[in-house]
Amino acid sequence: MVVDRLADGTRIAQLLASELTGHEETFAMLSVVDADPDVEPTDDGAFAYGVAANDTRVADVYVQPDRARIEFMTHPDVTAEAAGEQGLRVRPKAVRPPRTLVFVEDGAQVKWTLPAFRALVAALEGNGDGDETGEDSDTDHAEPA
């Protein structure tokens, strides 16, 4: 019996980069940056490349031997919700500003990440809720009575 499952973190990351750079007009604002073509997967995750939107880094992609991990740096709530709705394993990363981790454990799941990137693009264009980092604002913008 042939197993059709792709569980190679480096190849999964390559598939994702291909999806982001060549297949949807929606992702025109996104680019793959600082790519390491010789990246070797590690158990903790080795940096493979960043994803930028108009020259601002919005996500990083790491490779592990059997999966890839996306760290969304902006709009963590929006990206977590979209990825979770696709059945991907999602968890917050408790750093300042907060991040969302999305685990891609199979080559087929690369397509499942695209709604999270679409939601990110929409939020970056001003169509999403919350501020860019997902943090609450400490400033009260209400006018005095």
Protein backbone atom coordinates (compact mmCIF):
# COMPACT_ATOMS: atom_id res chain seq x y z
CA MET A 1 0.00 0.00 0.00
CA VAL A 2 1.29 3.48 -0.89
CA VAL A 3 1.20 6.23 1.69
CA ASP A 4 0.23 9.56 0.13
CA ARG A 5 1.03 11.67 3.19
CA LEU A 6 3.79 14.28 2.94
CA ALA A 7 5.23 14.79 6.42
CA ASP A 8 8.55 16.48 5.64
CA GLY A 9 8.77 19.89 7.30
CA THR A 10 11.09 21.37 4.68
CA ARG A 11 8.91 20.29 1.78
CA ILE A 12 5.76 21.51 3.56
CA ALA A 13 7.39 24.94 4.01
CA GLN A 14 8.37 24.98 0.32
CA LEU A 15 4.79 24.20 -0.70
CA LEU A 16 3.51 27.03 1.49
CA ALA A 17 5.99 29.50 -0.02
CA SER A 18 4.81 28.46 -3.47
CA GLU A 19 1.17 29.02 -2.53
CA LEU A 20 1.90 32.46 -1.11
CA THR A 21 3.99 33.71 -4.01
CA GLY A 22 2.28 32.38 -7.06
CA HIS A 23 -1.29 31.25 -6.86
CA GLU A 24 -3.63 33.92 -5.54
CA GLU A 25 -4.06 37.57 -6.36
CA THR A 26 -5.23 37.95 -2.75
CA PHE A 27 -1.63 37.39 -1.64
CA ALA A 28 -0.10 40.01 -3.95
CA MET A 29 0.93 42.10 -0.93
CA LEU A 30 2.78 39.13 0.63
CA SER A 31 6.33 38.12 -0.16
CA VAL A 32 8.73 35.47 1.09
CA VAL A 33 11.79 37.13 2.64
CA ASP A 34 15.08 36.04 4.20
CA ALA A 35 14.68 32.49 2.88
CA ASP A 36 17.30 29.94 3.87
CA PRO A 37 17.41 27.50 0.93
CA ASP A 38 19.72 25.16 2.86
CA VAL A 39 17.69 25.03 6.07
CA GLU A 40 17.94 21.77 7.98
CA PRO A 41 14.94 20.85 10.16
CA THR A 42 15.47 20.71 13.92
CA ASP A 43 13.28 19.38 16.71
CA ASP A 44 12.65 22.93 17.98
CA GLY A 45 12.14 24.31 14.46
CA ALA A 46 14.72 25.95 12.24
CA PHE A 47 13.93 29.29 10.60
CA ALA A 48 13.09 28.72 6.92
CA TYR A 49 11.79 32.14 5.83
CA GLY A 50 9.73 35.14 6.76
CA VAL A 51 6.55 36.43 5.20
CA ALA A 52 6.33 40.18 4.68
CA ALA A 53 3.45 42.43 3.75
CA ASN A 54 4.59 45.62 2.08
CA ASP A 55 8.08 45.27 3.60
CA THR A 56 6.79 44.59 7.15
CA ARG A 57 7.40 41.12 8.57
CA VAL A 58 4.05 39.53 9.49
CA ALA A 59 4.96 35.84 9.92
CA ASP A 60 7.88 33.45 10.19
CA VAL A 61 7.98 29.84 9.03
CA TYR A 62 10.03 27.19 10.84
CA VAL A 63 10.73 23.60 9.85
CA GLN A 64 10.83 20.54 12.04
CA PRO A 65 11.54 17.03 10.76
CA ASP A 66 7.86 16.11 10.37
CA ARG A 67 6.03 19.46 10.09
CA ALA A 68 6.24 23.19 9.53
CA ARG A 69 5.23 25.89 12.00
CA ILE A 70 3.94 29.33 11.13
CA GLU A 71 4.30 32.13 13.67
CA PHE A 72 1.89 34.94 12.87
CA MET A 73 3.27 38.15 14.37
CA THR A 74 0.34 40.42 13.60
CA HIS A 75 -3.40 39.98 14.09
CA PRO A 76 -3.00 36.83 16.21
CA ASP A 77 -6.71 36.51 17.02
CA VAL A 78 -7.80 36.77 13.39
CA THR A 79 -5.25 34.24 12.17
CA ALA A 80 -5.92 31.83 15.06
CA GLU A 81 -9.65 31.82 14.38
CA ALA A 82 -9.24 31.28 10.64
CA ALA A 83 -6.68 28.49 11.05
CA GLY A 84 -8.71 26.82 13.80
CA GLU A 85 -11.80 26.78 11.60
CA GLN A 86 -9.79 24.74 9.09
CA GLY A 87 -8.94 22.12 11.70
CA LEU A 88 -5.29 23.09 12.08
CA ARG A 89 -3.58 22.84 15.45
CA VAL A 90 -3.27 26.39 16.77
CA ARG A 91 -1.89 27.81 19.98
CA PRO A 92 -0.97 31.23 21.28
CA LYS A 93 2.61 32.19 21.99
CA ALA A 94 2.85 34.23 25.17
CA VAL A 95 5.28 36.92 24.11
CA ARG A 96 4.95 40.69 23.76
CA PRO A 97 3.35 41.36 21.34
CA PRO A 98 1.47 38.05 21.28
CA ARG A 99 1.81 35.63 18.37
CA THR A 100 -0.21 32.74 17.01
CA LEU A 101 1.45 29.42 16.20
CA VAL A 102 -0.09 27.25 13.47
CA PHE A 103 1.24 23.73 12.93
CA VAL A 104 1.16 22.24 9.42
CA GLU A 105 1.69 18.51 9.76
CA ASP A 106 0.92 17.33 6.25
CA GLY A 107 1.45 18.70 2.77
CA ALA A 108 -2.30 18.69 2.18
CA GLN A 109 -2.74 21.02 5.16
CA VAL A 110 -0.85 23.77 3.33
CA LYS A 111 -4.12 24.64 1.56
CA TRP A 112 -5.79 24.78 4.98
CA THR A 113 -3.48 27.63 6.01
CA LEU A 114 -4.59 29.87 3.16
CA PRO A 115 -7.74 31.15 4.93
CA ALA A 116 -5.51 32.34 7.80
CA PHE A 117 -3.33 34.26 5.33
CA ARG A 118 -6.45 35.64 3.60
CA ALA A 119 -7.76 36.81 6.99
CA LEU A 120 -4.37 38.37 7.75
CA VAL A 121 -4.35 40.26 4.45
CA ALA A 122 -7.91 41.50 5.06
CA ALA A 123 -6.94 42.66 8.57
CA LEU A 124 -3.82 44.40 7.24
CA GLU A 125 -5.93 46.19 4.65
CA GLY A 126 -8.15 47.49 7.44
CA ASN A 127 -11.00 45.03 7.04
CA GLY A 128 -10.24 43.11 10.24
CA ASP A 129 -10.95 43.69 13.90
CA GLY A 130 -8.38 44.73 16.48
CA ASP A 131 -5.07 46.49 16.16
CA GLU A 132 -2.11 45.15 14.24
CA THR A 133 -0.46 43.38 17.16
CA GLY A 134 -3.60 42.07 18.76
CA GLU A 135 -2.81 43.95 21.97
CA ASP A 136 -5.35 46.08 23.76
CA SER A 137 -4.73 49.78 23.55
CA ASP A 138 -3.82 51.58 26.77
CA THR A 139 -5.00 54.89 25.37
CA ASP A 140 -8.58 56.09 25.74
CA HIS A 141 -9.54 57.80 22.50
CA ALA A 142 -12.93 59.08 23.69
CA GLU A 143 -13.55 62.80 23.67
CA PRO A 144 -14.19 64.38 27.10
CA ALA A 145 -17.86 65.23 27.76
